[in-house]
Protein backbone atom coordinates (compact mmCIF):
# COMPACT_ATOMS: atom_id res chain seq x y z
CA MET A 1 -0.12 0.01 0.07
CA LEU A 2 2.82 2.66 1.01
CA LYS A 3 4.55 1.82 -2.37
CA THR A 4 1.78 2.35 -4.36
CA ARG A 5 0.92 5.58 -2.27
CA VAL A 6 4.72 6.50 -3.03
CA ILE A 7 4.20 5.68 -6.82
CA THR A 8 1.28 7.62 -7.32
CA ALA A 9 2.57 10.70 -5.43
CA LEU A 10 5.41 10.90 -7.49
CA VAL A 11 3.35 10.29 -10.77
CA LEU A 12 1.01 13.27 -9.60
CA LEU A 13 4.43 15.66 -8.93
CA ALA A 14 5.56 14.77 -11.95
CA VAL A 15 2.20 15.81 -13.70
CA LEU A 16 1.57 19.02 -12.01
CA VAL A 17 5.31 20.53 -12.50
CA SER A 18 4.80 19.13 -16.24
CA VAL A 19 1.41 21.04 -16.19
CA LEU A 20 3.10 23.94 -14.90
CA TYR A 21 6.06 24.54 -16.64
CA SER A 22 4.66 22.90 -20.28
CA ASN A 23 4.69 27.37 -21.59
CA SER A 24 0.99 26.20 -22.91
CA PRO A 25 -2.17 27.58 -21.21
CA VAL A 26 -4.45 25.58 -22.89
CA PHE A 27 -2.86 22.63 -21.78
CA PHE A 28 -3.00 24.16 -18.43
CA LEU A 29 -6.53 25.09 -18.61
CA ALA A 30 -7.58 21.16 -20.15
CA VAL A 31 -5.74 19.56 -17.56
CA THR A 32 -7.64 22.00 -14.58
CA ALA A 33 -10.90 21.11 -15.96
CA ALA A 34 -10.18 17.54 -16.00
CA PHE A 35 -9.21 17.32 -12.90
CA PHE A 36 -12.08 19.58 -11.38
CA ALA A 37 -14.19 17.21 -13.95
CA ALA A 38 -13.06 14.15 -11.66
CA ALA A 39 -13.84 16.46 -8.15
CA ALA A 40 -16.82 17.50 -9.23
CA TRP A 41 -17.90 13.91 -9.93
CA GLU A 42 -16.65 12.84 -6.49
CA ALA A 43 -18.67 15.77 -4.86
CA SER A 44 -21.70 14.48 -6.20
CA ARG A 45 -21.21 10.95 -5.24
CA LEU A 46 -20.48 12.13 -1.45
CA PHE A 47 -23.94 13.95 -1.73
CA ARG A 48 -25.77 11.30 -3.44
CA ALA A 49 -26.52 12.83 -6.43
CA SER A 50 -29.00 10.83 -8.71
CA LEU A 51 -26.82 11.14 -11.90
CA PRO A 52 -23.05 12.46 -10.32
CA VAL A 53 -21.79 12.43 -14.07
CA VAL A 54 -24.48 14.69 -15.37
CA SER A 55 -23.77 16.86 -12.51
CA ALA A 56 -20.13 16.74 -13.44
CA ILE A 57 -20.76 18.05 -16.77
CA VAL A 58 -22.88 20.75 -15.89
CA TRP A 59 -20.10 22.11 -13.16
CA THR A 60 -17.36 21.51 -15.68
CA ILE A 61 -19.70 23.91 -17.79
CA LEU A 62 -20.13 26.35 -15.56
CA PHE A 63 -15.97 26.61 -15.06
CA ALA A 64 -15.46 26.99 -18.61
CA LEU A 65 -18.07 29.96 -18.86
CA VAL A 66 -16.20 31.77 -15.74
CA ILE A 67 -13.04 31.20 -17.30
CA GLN A 68 -13.67 32.45 -20.42
CA LEU A 69 -16.54 35.36 -19.70
CA ALA A 70 -16.15 36.23 -15.83
CA ASP A 71 -14.04 39.66 -15.70
CA ALA A 72 -11.57 40.01 -13.04
CA GLY A 73 -14.42 41.65 -10.47
CA THR A 74 -16.41 38.89 -10.36
CA ILE A 75 -14.39 36.23 -10.05
CA GLN A 76 -13.42 38.11 -7.08
CA LEU A 77 -16.61 38.28 -5.71
CA LEU A 78 -16.70 34.88 -6.30
CA PHE A 79 -13.42 34.08 -4.47
CA ALA A 80 -14.66 36.40 -1.55
CA LEU A 81 -18.23 34.43 -1.89
CA CYS A 82 -15.90 31.44 -1.48
CA VAL A 83 -14.42 32.45 1.89
CA ALA A 84 -17.83 33.82 3.29
CA ILE A 85 -18.98 29.96 2.02
CA TRP A 86 -16.76 28.35 4.68
CA ALA A 87 -16.70 31.08 7.21
CA ILE A 88 -20.88 30.74 8.04
CA ARG A 89 -21.92 27.49 6.23
CA LEU A 90 -19.73 24.91 6.05
CA ALA A 91 -17.00 25.25 9.13
CA PRO A 92 -19.86 25.27 11.34
CA SER A 93 -21.13 22.02 10.24
CA LEU A 94 -18.37 20.40 11.92
CA ALA A 95 -19.67 21.23 15.13
CA LEU A 96 -23.91 21.15 14.11
CA GLY A 97 -23.57 18.04 11.84
CA LEU A 98 -24.78 17.86 8.17
CA PRO A 99 -28.25 17.43 6.55
CA PRO A 100 -29.62 14.05 6.05
CA VAL A 101 -28.68 12.55 2.85
CA GLY A 102 -32.23 12.89 0.73
CA LYS A 103 -33.44 15.90 1.88
CA LEU A 104 -33.37 19.30 0.58
CA GLY A 105 -30.78 20.54 3.01
CA ASN A 106 -28.44 18.17 1.65
CA ARG A 107 -29.09 18.78 -2.15
CA LEU A 108 -28.58 22.55 -1.00
CA LEU A 109 -25.67 22.11 1.22
CA GLY A 110 -23.92 20.13 -1.86
CA VAL A 111 -24.93 23.13 -4.39
CA VAL A 112 -22.57 25.36 -1.75
CA TYR A 113 -19.96 23.07 -1.36
CA GLY A 114 -19.97 22.96 -5.32
CA ILE A 115 -19.17 26.55 -5.33
CA SER A 116 -16.54 26.19 -3.09
CA VAL A 117 -14.94 23.67 -4.74
CA LEU A 118 -15.25 25.54 -8.45
CA GLY A 119 -13.95 28.69 -6.21
CA ALA A 120 -11.22 26.45 -5.74
CA PHE A 121 -10.06 25.51 -9.18
CA ILE A 122 -10.70 29.39 -10.46
CA ALA A 123 -8.03 30.09 -7.66
CA ILE A 124 -5.90 27.48 -9.28
CA VAL A 125 -5.93 29.50 -12.62
CA ALA A 126 -5.32 32.93 -10.99
CA LEU A 127 -2.81 31.57 -9.31
CA PHE A 128 -1.24 30.23 -11.95
CA HIS A 129 -1.41 33.52 -14.11
CA PHE A 130 0.87 35.10 -11.44
CA SER A 131 3.35 32.54 -11.90
CA PRO A 132 3.66 28.63 -11.33
CA LEU A 133 5.99 29.35 -8.79
CA TYR A 134 3.36 31.53 -6.56
CA LEU A 135 0.71 28.83 -6.97
CA LEU A 136 3.43 26.28 -6.03
CA SER A 137 3.94 28.24 -2.98
CA VAL A 138 0.53 29.15 -1.64
CA MET A 139 0.00 24.97 -2.25
CA ALA A 140 2.71 24.31 -0.13
CA VAL A 141 1.55 26.23 2.70
CA VAL A 142 -1.05 23.62 2.88
CA TRP A 143 1.39 20.73 2.22
CA VAL A 144 3.89 21.69 4.50
CA ALA A 145 0.69 21.77 7.24
CA ASP A 146 -0.66 18.40 6.21
CA ILE A 147 2.97 16.67 6.65
CA GLY A 148 3.63 18.38 10.06
CA ALA A 149 0.59 17.65 11.25
CA TYR A 150 0.81 13.98 10.51
CA PHE A 151 4.62 13.35 12.04
CA ALA A 152 3.40 15.27 15.00
CA GLY A 153 0.53 13.36 15.38
CA LYS A 154 2.28 10.16 15.26
CA ALA A 155 5.03 11.14 17.55
CA PHE A 156 2.98 13.29 20.20
CA GLY A 157 -0.44 13.34 19.52
CA LYS A 158 -2.74 12.42 22.66
CA ARG A 159 -5.57 14.86 22.38
CA LYS A 160 -8.37 14.31 19.44
CA LEU A 161 -8.86 17.22 17.54
CA ALA A 162 -12.44 15.76 15.98
CA PRO A 163 -12.85 12.48 17.36
CA SER A 164 -16.30 11.99 15.56
CA ILE A 165 -15.34 13.11 12.48
CA SER A 166 -11.62 11.95 12.08
CA PRO A 167 -10.26 9.99 15.53
CA GLY A 168 -6.63 9.84 13.40
CA LYS A 169 -6.57 13.81 14.00
CA SER A 170 -4.92 15.24 17.14
CA TRP A 171 -4.69 18.95 18.43
CA GLU A 172 -0.89 18.12 18.88
CA GLY A 173 -1.08 17.34 15.46
CA ALA A 174 -2.45 20.63 14.54
CA VAL A 175 -0.09 22.62 16.17
CA GLY A 176 2.71 20.89 14.38
CA GLY A 177 2.03 21.43 11.25
CA TRP A 178 1.23 24.69 12.33
CA VAL A 179 4.67 25.22 13.78
CA ALA A 180 6.33 23.37 10.61
CA VAL A 181 4.28 26.37 8.33
CA MET A 182 5.41 28.97 10.26
CA LEU A 183 9.23 27.97 10.68
CA LEU A 184 9.67 27.20 6.65
CA ALA A 185 7.28 29.81 5.67
CA GLY A 186 9.69 32.50 7.39
CA ILE A 187 12.91 30.53 6.13
CA SER A 188 11.63 31.00 2.80
CA THR A 189 11.26 35.09 3.43
CA ALA A 190 15.16 35.25 3.74
CA TYR A 191 15.74 33.09 0.20
CA PRO A 192 16.16 36.05 -2.58
CA PRO A 193 14.89 33.52 -5.43
CA LEU A 194 11.71 32.91 -3.72
CA ALA A 195 10.91 36.88 -2.93
CA ASP A 196 8.02 37.07 -5.45
CA THR A 197 6.35 33.82 -3.81
CA PHE A 198 3.41 33.67 -1.12
CA ALA A 199 5.09 33.80 1.80
CA PRO A 200 7.71 36.73 1.23
CA ARG A 201 5.25 39.08 -0.41
CA VAL A 202 2.65 38.45 2.90
CA LEU A 203 5.95 39.35 5.07
CA ALA A 204 6.63 42.20 2.47
CA GLY A 205 3.36 44.26 2.91
CA LEU A 206 1.85 42.72 6.44
CA GLY A 207 5.12 42.41 8.41
CA TRP A 208 5.83 39.96 11.19
CA VAL A 209 2.18 40.02 12.95
CA GLY A 210 0.48 40.27 9.64
CA PHE A 211 2.28 37.30 8.60
CA GLY A 212 1.85 35.12 11.81
CA ILE A 213 -1.86 35.85 11.25
CA VAL A 214 -2.18 34.82 8.03
CA MET A 215 -0.12 32.09 8.21
CA THR A 216 -2.45 30.76 11.35
CA VAL A 217 -5.37 31.37 9.04
CA MET A 218 -4.43 29.44 5.88
CA VAL A 219 -3.49 26.46 8.52
CA ALA A 220 -6.85 26.55 9.84
CA ALA A 221 -8.29 26.66 6.61
CA SER A 222 -6.81 23.69 5.70
CA ILE A 223 -7.69 21.80 8.53
CA VAL A 224 -11.54 22.79 8.46
CA GLY A 225 -11.44 21.90 4.70
CA ASP A 226 -9.72 18.41 5.33
CA LEU A 227 -12.55 17.69 8.13
CA PHE A 228 -15.11 18.78 6.30
CA GLU A 229 -14.46 16.14 3.85
CA SER A 230 -13.82 13.99 6.50
CA GLN A 231 -17.67 14.53 7.43
CA LEU A 232 -18.95 14.01 4.00
CA LYS A 233 -17.66 10.78 3.67
CA ARG A 234 -17.89 9.53 7.37
CA ARG A 235 -22.08 10.34 6.73
CA VAL A 236 -22.40 8.22 3.40
CA GLU A 237 -19.71 5.54 4.87
CA MET A 238 -17.33 5.86 2.10
CA LYS A 239 -13.59 5.61 2.88
CA ASP A 240 -12.17 7.65 -0.04
CA SER A 241 -13.84 9.84 -2.14
CA SER A 242 -12.98 7.73 -5.14
CA ASN A 243 -10.78 5.51 -6.19
CA LEU A 244 -9.39 7.52 -9.65
CA LEU A 245 -5.88 7.83 -7.47
CA PRO A 246 -4.60 4.34 -6.50
CA GLY A 247 -3.31 4.52 -2.72
CA HIS A 248 -4.43 8.13 -2.49
CA GLY A 249 -8.32 7.36 -3.17
CA GLY A 250 -9.55 10.61 -5.04
CA VAL A 251 -9.06 13.98 -6.41
CA LEU A 252 -11.09 15.38 -3.31
CA ASP A 253 -8.90 13.23 -1.04
CA ARG A 254 -5.70 15.04 -2.38
CA ILE A 255 -7.25 18.89 -2.55
CA ASP A 256 -9.89 18.52 0.30
CA ALA A 257 -7.84 20.78 2.19
CA LEU A 258 -6.70 23.12 -0.72
CA ILE A 259 -10.34 24.09 -1.19
CA PRO A 260 -10.75 26.24 1.78
CA THR A 261 -7.12 28.09 1.14
CA LEU A 262 -6.46 28.92 -2.19
CA PRO A 263 -9.42 31.36 -3.01
CA LEU A 264 -8.27 32.84 0.22
CA ALA A 265 -4.56 33.36 -0.58
CA VAL A 266 -5.90 35.10 -4.27
CA LEU A 267 -8.09 37.60 -1.83
CA ILE A 268 -4.72 38.32 0.68
CA GLY A 269 -2.38 38.76 -2.51
CA SER A 270 -4.95 41.09 -4.13
CA TRP A 271 -5.60 43.05 -0.91
CA ILE A 272 -1.46 43.17 -0.15
């Protein structure tokens, strides 16, 4: 199982790098749309949509329309809406619970979550247009938080973070992920070739206090995104969102922590 996970991770990393540095915007958009379609299909299954393939097609058409027709102001509003969705509706569900499958509330929540996934993939495009390295630097914040949380949780984890949702996560792991982000993001600010990436730009625009707040919010948002998808899977008794990625589950399983953080990163970058 570990060998399969490692091989799949290396393949995904190779695909990501090749797409980002292909110098072909059309190729980048095609691959992004394909992954979005897969994520939309998986989300539809988690909400028990009657026709998940049709739902994924509709969402992918909407993704293409936003890319082609929406102006910068409209896209910024979409990102702001996504942040509001997580703050007002999705994050509170971790404490309040989810509506029953088959009810109107579940269908409405499916649409709301779909908007947040759409916004995350539009944010990928927006960050890529700034620069491939800038996009990677935002994603790296989430990856470092996740890796740091895993190892800190293994070494020190005692107090469960959300036992009814994801029993493997601990407060110690969450703190370890935050410490890892603060350290590595802070170190990156001292390396001149990375001056035009996310963490150094945040520091330059907001100072150390603002830097600490932004990184803390980013880590917290990534944890919420991870827990929310775990909550969706637990509700419908699914271990993974799909089996599209051998050893890793589905696309949503790989990007769940990125979904709330990417639109937030674009807004922060625009603000500073």
